[in-house]
Amino acid sequence: MAGDILRNPLSLFDVSGKVTVITGASGALGRAAAIALGALGARLLLASGSAGGLAAVAAEVKVAGGKAATLACRPGSQADADAILAAATAAYGAVDSVFVASGHNKPAPIEDMRYEDWQAIMDANVRGPWLMAKSFGQHLASRAAAGQDGRGKLLLVSSVRGRHGSPAGYSGYCTSKGATDSLTKTLATEWGPRGINVNAIAPAVFRSALTEWIFADTEAGRASRERNYARISLRRLGEPEDFVGIVLYLLSAASDFVTGQVIYVDGGYTAA
């Protein structure tokens, strides 16, 4: 086995035929991951609250030569999370990996932030991933109980804000991403004996619907970019494509001995 890997190391990144669930699939990270994984032959179940956005991403996956089923659903409840896993198993059978790419932020100074807005951030960034993890764990446990392969990979999205604070009214977002880091580590230790890998990627600013204003040629956008460049050693902001490599690594056999890690994909932000 080891000799085969050394002679053909690219085989470690083979995801052809693997079944992956992506939540938040109509967002920037989810879309990039879906197109790339689909092009490499993964079988995808794409979930999002935007039916129109899902249809557009599924069409792009098809153009890239991939295959994707869709479900217009967010993991807002256990029933929703279970429905997403059930849709994947109905379409393909066993699920090999789950990428929780959904998230939310609505910044405001803490004295001005409504509790309802803080809770919405926590629901999207903590409760949703926890519910998806629970459903995925139950799916893998049922497979193991039936004498089938109960291993799998769970990938979450944290942020540099899980490690660093922010003066920009991020008391909800930073708190939620700190919780994501902790969830990643505790599930890795809980599930490790079952052969389940749990990791997270932690971006700095990257292009998305929420951050498009930072990329715009406006006074506010230019000022924000300059503030970020002061910390990002590569002197640019991220693009969704910058995360494709690390997603492929963490959802493939290449990372079979990697678990409980929060991996910063941040242009050097956390190195400063």
Protein backbone atom coordinates (compact mmCIF):
# COMPACT_ATOMS: atom_id res chain seq x y z
CA MET A 1 0.00 0.00 0.00
CA ALA A 2 2.69 2.49 1.00
CA GLY A 3 4.72 1.59 -2.05
CA ASP A 4 1.73 2.17 -4.32
CA ILE A 5 1.23 5.64 -2.83
CA LEU A 6 4.87 6.57 -3.30
CA ARG A 7 4.79 5.46 -6.92
CA ASN A 8 1.48 7.23 -7.60
CA PRO A 9 1.12 10.04 -5.06
CA LEU A 10 -1.60 11.84 -7.02
CA SER A 11 -3.89 8.88 -6.30
CA LEU A 12 -4.20 10.27 -2.78
CA PHE A 13 -6.28 13.13 -4.18
CA ASP A 14 -8.66 10.93 -6.16
CA VAL A 15 -12.25 11.78 -5.20
CA SER A 16 -13.94 10.17 -8.19
CA GLY A 17 -17.10 8.37 -7.12
CA LYS A 18 -16.97 9.80 -3.61
CA VAL A 19 -20.24 11.24 -2.29
CA THR A 20 -19.93 14.72 -0.79
CA VAL A 21 -22.63 16.90 0.76
CA ILE A 22 -22.02 20.65 0.51
CA THR A 23 -24.23 23.03 2.47
CA GLY A 24 -24.15 26.70 1.58
CA ALA A 25 -23.47 25.46 -1.94
CA SER A 26 -24.75 28.63 -3.60
CA GLY A 27 -22.22 30.76 -1.70
CA ALA A 28 -18.72 31.61 -2.87
CA LEU A 29 -16.84 28.78 -1.11
CA GLY A 30 -19.54 26.18 -1.67
CA ARG A 31 -19.77 27.00 -5.38
CA ALA A 32 -16.00 26.81 -5.94
CA ALA A 33 -15.76 23.51 -4.07
CA ALA A 34 -18.74 22.04 -5.93
CA ILE A 35 -17.41 22.85 -9.40
CA ALA A 36 -13.91 21.59 -8.61
CA LEU A 37 -15.00 18.38 -6.87
CA GLY A 38 -17.58 17.70 -9.55
CA ALA A 39 -14.97 18.14 -12.28
CA LEU A 40 -12.86 15.50 -10.50
CA GLY A 41 -15.70 13.00 -10.48
CA ALA A 42 -17.18 13.40 -6.99
CA ARG A 43 -20.92 12.85 -6.69
CA LEU A 44 -22.48 15.85 -5.00
CA LEU A 45 -25.55 16.76 -3.00
CA LEU A 46 -25.74 20.53 -2.96
CA ALA A 47 -27.89 22.23 -0.32
CA SER A 48 -28.73 25.89 0.14
CA GLY A 49 -31.64 28.11 1.02
CA SER A 50 -31.53 29.60 -2.50
CA ALA A 51 -33.18 27.34 -5.05
CA GLY A 52 -32.17 29.63 -7.89
CA GLY A 53 -28.58 29.81 -6.70
CA LEU A 54 -28.45 26.02 -6.36
CA ALA A 55 -29.73 25.52 -9.90
CA ALA A 56 -27.04 27.85 -11.24
CA VAL A 57 -24.25 26.04 -9.38
CA ALA A 58 -25.55 22.62 -10.41
CA ALA A 59 -25.51 23.80 -14.02
CA GLU A 60 -21.88 24.90 -13.65
CA VAL A 61 -20.99 21.54 -12.14
CA LYS A 62 -22.59 19.81 -15.13
CA VAL A 63 -20.64 21.98 -17.59
CA ALA A 64 -17.45 20.98 -15.75
CA GLY A 65 -18.36 17.33 -16.32
CA GLY A 66 -19.69 16.66 -12.82
CA LYS A 67 -22.87 15.33 -11.30
CA ALA A 68 -24.91 17.11 -8.63
CA ALA A 69 -28.27 16.59 -6.97
CA THR A 70 -29.76 19.57 -5.14
CA LEU A 71 -31.98 20.29 -2.17
CA ALA A 72 -33.22 23.79 -1.36
CA CYS A 73 -32.73 23.52 2.39
CA ARG A 74 -30.61 25.05 5.15
CA PRO A 75 -29.63 23.03 8.24
CA GLY A 76 -31.78 25.17 10.51
CA SER A 77 -33.18 22.24 12.47
CA GLN A 78 -32.37 18.59 13.07
CA ALA A 79 -35.12 17.66 10.64
CA ASP A 80 -33.50 19.86 7.98
CA ALA A 81 -30.04 18.40 8.55
CA ASP A 82 -31.47 14.87 8.45
CA ALA A 83 -33.32 15.70 5.23
CA ILE A 84 -30.05 16.84 3.59
CA LEU A 85 -28.30 13.57 4.50
CA ALA A 86 -31.38 11.58 3.43
CA ALA A 87 -31.42 13.31 0.04
CA ALA A 88 -27.77 12.41 -0.49
CA THR A 89 -28.28 8.77 0.46
CA ALA A 90 -31.38 8.56 -1.74
CA ALA A 91 -29.41 9.91 -4.69
CA TYR A 92 -26.16 8.00 -4.24
CA GLY A 93 -26.11 5.73 -1.20
CA ALA A 94 -23.42 6.18 1.45
CA VAL A 95 -22.06 9.67 2.14
CA ASP A 96 -18.27 9.93 2.35
CA SER A 97 -17.84 13.56 3.36
CA VAL A 98 -19.68 16.71 4.39
CA PHE A 99 -18.46 20.25 3.74
CA VAL A 100 -20.41 22.81 5.77
CA ALA A 101 -19.75 25.95 3.75
CA SER A 102 -22.75 27.95 4.91
CA GLY A 103 -22.39 30.97 7.20
CA HIS A 104 -23.68 34.40 8.15
CA ASN A 105 -22.57 37.73 9.59
CA LYS A 106 -24.27 41.01 10.44
CA PRO A 107 -21.72 43.22 12.21
CA ALA A 108 -22.63 45.95 14.67
CA PRO A 109 -21.13 47.37 17.86
CA ILE A 110 -22.26 45.19 20.74
CA GLU A 111 -24.21 48.00 22.36
CA ASP A 112 -26.21 48.44 19.13
CA MET A 113 -26.51 44.79 18.07
CA ARG A 114 -29.92 43.25 18.50
CA TYR A 115 -29.94 39.95 20.32
CA GLU A 116 -31.91 38.48 17.41
CA ASP A 117 -29.08 39.37 15.00
CA TRP A 118 -26.45 37.86 17.32
CA GLN A 119 -28.54 34.70 17.61
CA ALA A 120 -28.95 34.48 13.83
CA ILE A 121 -25.15 34.52 13.46
CA MET A 122 -24.76 31.81 16.08
CA ASP A 123 -27.52 29.72 14.50
CA ALA A 124 -25.95 29.85 11.04
CA ASN A 125 -22.31 29.47 12.12
CA VAL A 126 -22.59 27.12 15.12
CA ARG A 127 -25.98 25.45 15.37
CA GLY A 128 -26.17 24.56 11.66
CA PRO A 129 -22.72 22.93 11.52
CA TRP A 130 -23.42 21.09 14.81
CA LEU A 131 -26.68 19.73 13.41
CA MET A 132 -24.99 18.63 10.17
CA ALA A 133 -22.25 16.95 12.20
CA LYS A 134 -24.85 15.12 14.28
CA SER A 135 -26.70 13.84 11.21
CA PHE A 136 -23.46 12.81 9.51
CA GLY A 137 -22.25 11.06 12.66
CA GLN A 138 -25.50 9.12 12.91
CA HIS A 139 -25.25 8.16 9.24
CA LEU A 140 -21.72 6.84 9.67
CA ALA A 141 -22.62 5.03 12.91
CA SER A 142 -25.52 3.26 11.21
CA ARG A 143 -23.19 2.16 8.41
CA ALA A 144 -20.65 0.82 10.90
CA ALA A 145 -23.40 -1.04 12.79
CA ALA A 146 -24.39 -2.71 9.53
CA GLY A 147 -20.82 -3.90 9.00
CA GLN A 148 -20.11 -1.28 6.34
CA ASP A 149 -17.43 1.40 6.15
CA GLY A 150 -18.16 3.94 8.90
CA ARG A 151 -15.30 6.29 8.14
CA GLY A 152 -15.79 9.79 6.72
CA LYS A 153 -14.59 13.37 6.59
CA LEU A 154 -16.25 16.48 7.99
CA LEU A 155 -14.97 19.90 6.93
CA LEU A 156 -16.11 23.12 8.62
CA VAL A 157 -15.40 26.77 7.85
CA SER A 158 -13.86 28.87 10.59
CA SER A 159 -12.08 32.21 10.14
CA VAL A 160 -9.02 34.10 11.29
CA ARG A 161 -11.64 35.77 13.50
CA GLY A 162 -11.89 32.58 15.51
CA ARG A 163 -8.36 33.35 16.69
CA HIS A 164 -8.20 37.14 16.51
CA GLY A 165 -10.67 39.74 17.66
CA SER A 166 -11.95 42.54 15.47
CA PRO A 167 -12.92 46.15 16.17
CA ALA A 168 -15.53 46.04 13.40
CA GLY A 169 -18.53 44.94 15.46
CA TYR A 170 -17.80 41.23 15.24
CA SER A 171 -18.87 40.15 18.74
CA GLY A 172 -21.24 37.67 17.11
CA TYR A 173 -19.00 36.48 14.27
CA CYS A 174 -15.78 36.11 16.28
CA THR A 175 -17.63 34.25 19.01
CA SER A 176 -19.20 31.89 16.49
CA LYS A 177 -15.89 31.12 14.79
CA GLY A 178 -14.19 30.49 18.12
CA ALA A 179 -16.94 27.95 18.74
CA THR A 180 -16.27 26.42 15.31
CA ASP A 181 -12.61 25.91 16.25
CA SER A 182 -13.63 24.18 19.46
CA LEU A 183 -16.23 22.02 17.72
CA THR A 184 -13.60 20.93 15.19
CA LYS A 185 -11.20 19.81 17.89
CA THR A 186 -13.70 18.11 20.15
CA LEU A 187 -15.36 16.14 17.34
CA ALA A 188 -11.94 15.08 16.09
CA THR A 189 -11.15 13.56 19.47
CA GLU A 190 -14.64 12.07 19.87
CA TRP A 191 -14.74 10.52 16.40
CA GLY A 192 -11.07 9.68 15.89
CA PRO A 193 -11.42 6.08 17.11
CA ARG A 194 -14.13 5.60 14.49
CA GLY A 195 -11.83 6.72 11.66
CA ILE A 196 -13.65 10.01 11.07
CA ASN A 197 -11.57 13.09 10.25
CA VAL A 198 -12.78 16.53 11.31
CA ASN A 199 -10.99 19.69 10.21
CA ALA A 200 -11.71 23.34 9.46
CA ILE A 201 -10.36 25.92 7.06
CA ALA A 202 -9.96 29.45 8.36
CA PRO A 203 -9.93 32.20 5.72
CA ALA A 204 -9.11 35.86 6.02
CA VAL A 205 -11.12 38.20 3.76
CA PHE A 206 -12.08 36.59 0.46
CA ARG A 207 -14.44 37.61 -2.33
CA SER A 208 -18.09 36.77 -1.65
CA ALA A 209 -21.49 38.42 -1.71
CA LEU A 210 -20.87 39.69 1.83
CA THR A 211 -17.43 41.18 1.06
CA GLU A 212 -17.91 42.44 -2.51
CA TRP A 213 -17.93 46.03 -1.22
CA ILE A 214 -14.32 45.59 -0.03
CA PHE A 215 -13.24 44.74 -3.58
CA ALA A 216 -15.11 47.70 -5.09
CA ASP A 217 -13.33 50.81 -6.35
CA THR A 218 -14.89 53.05 -3.71
CA GLU A 219 -13.42 55.04 -0.85
CA ALA A 220 -14.73 52.53 1.71
CA GLY A 221 -13.47 49.56 -0.33
CA ARG A 222 -10.01 51.03 -0.86
CA ALA A 223 -9.68 51.91 2.82
CA SER A 224 -10.68 48.40 3.90
CA ARG A 225 -8.24 46.80 1.46
CA GLU A 226 -5.38 48.93 2.74
CA ARG A 227 -6.15 47.95 6.34
CA ASN A 228 -6.10 44.29 5.36
CA TYR A 229 -2.93 44.60 3.28
CA ALA A 230 -1.15 45.86 6.40
CA ARG A 231 -1.59 42.37 7.89
CA ILE A 232 -1.70 40.09 4.83
CA SER A 233 1.88 39.42 3.74
CA LEU A 234 0.88 38.39 0.20
CA ARG A 235 -0.70 41.84 -0.20
CA ARG A 236 -3.93 40.67 -1.77
CA LEU A 237 -7.31 39.45 -0.65
CA GLY A 238 -8.55 35.93 -1.22
CA GLU A 239 -10.56 34.54 -4.09
CA PRO A 240 -12.84 31.48 -3.78
CA GLU A 241 -10.46 29.56 -6.03
CA ASP A 242 -7.72 29.96 -3.40
CA PHE A 243 -9.55 27.41 -1.22
CA VAL A 244 -10.06 24.65 -3.78
CA GLY A 245 -6.69 23.00 -3.09
CA ILE A 246 -7.12 22.80 0.67
CA VAL A 247 -10.71 21.55 0.34
CA LEU A 248 -9.58 18.79 -2.02
CA TYR A 249 -6.78 17.87 0.37
CA LEU A 250 -9.03 17.69 3.42
CA LEU A 251 -11.77 15.71 1.66
CA SER A 252 -9.43 13.18 0.04
CA ALA A 253 -7.21 10.35 1.25
CA ALA A 254 -4.27 12.77 1.20
CA SER A 255 -5.37 13.98 4.65
CA ASP A 256 -6.17 10.62 6.25
CA PHE A 257 -3.77 11.30 9.14
CA VAL A 258 -4.92 14.92 9.63
CA THR A 259 -7.70 15.66 12.11
CA GLY A 260 -8.66 18.30 14.65
CA GLN A 261 -6.86 21.02 12.70
CA VAL A 262 -7.91 24.59 11.97
CA ILE A 263 -5.92 25.41 8.84
CA TYR A 264 -5.44 29.09 8.07
CA VAL A 265 -5.75 29.97 4.39
CA ASP A 266 -5.17 33.66 4.89
CA GLY A 267 -2.31 35.01 2.79
CA GLY A 268 -0.16 35.26 5.89
CA TYR A 269 -2.60 37.18 8.09
CA THR A 270 -2.06 35.02 11.18
CA ALA A 271 1.72 34.99 10.68
CA ALA A 272 2.00 38.71 11.41
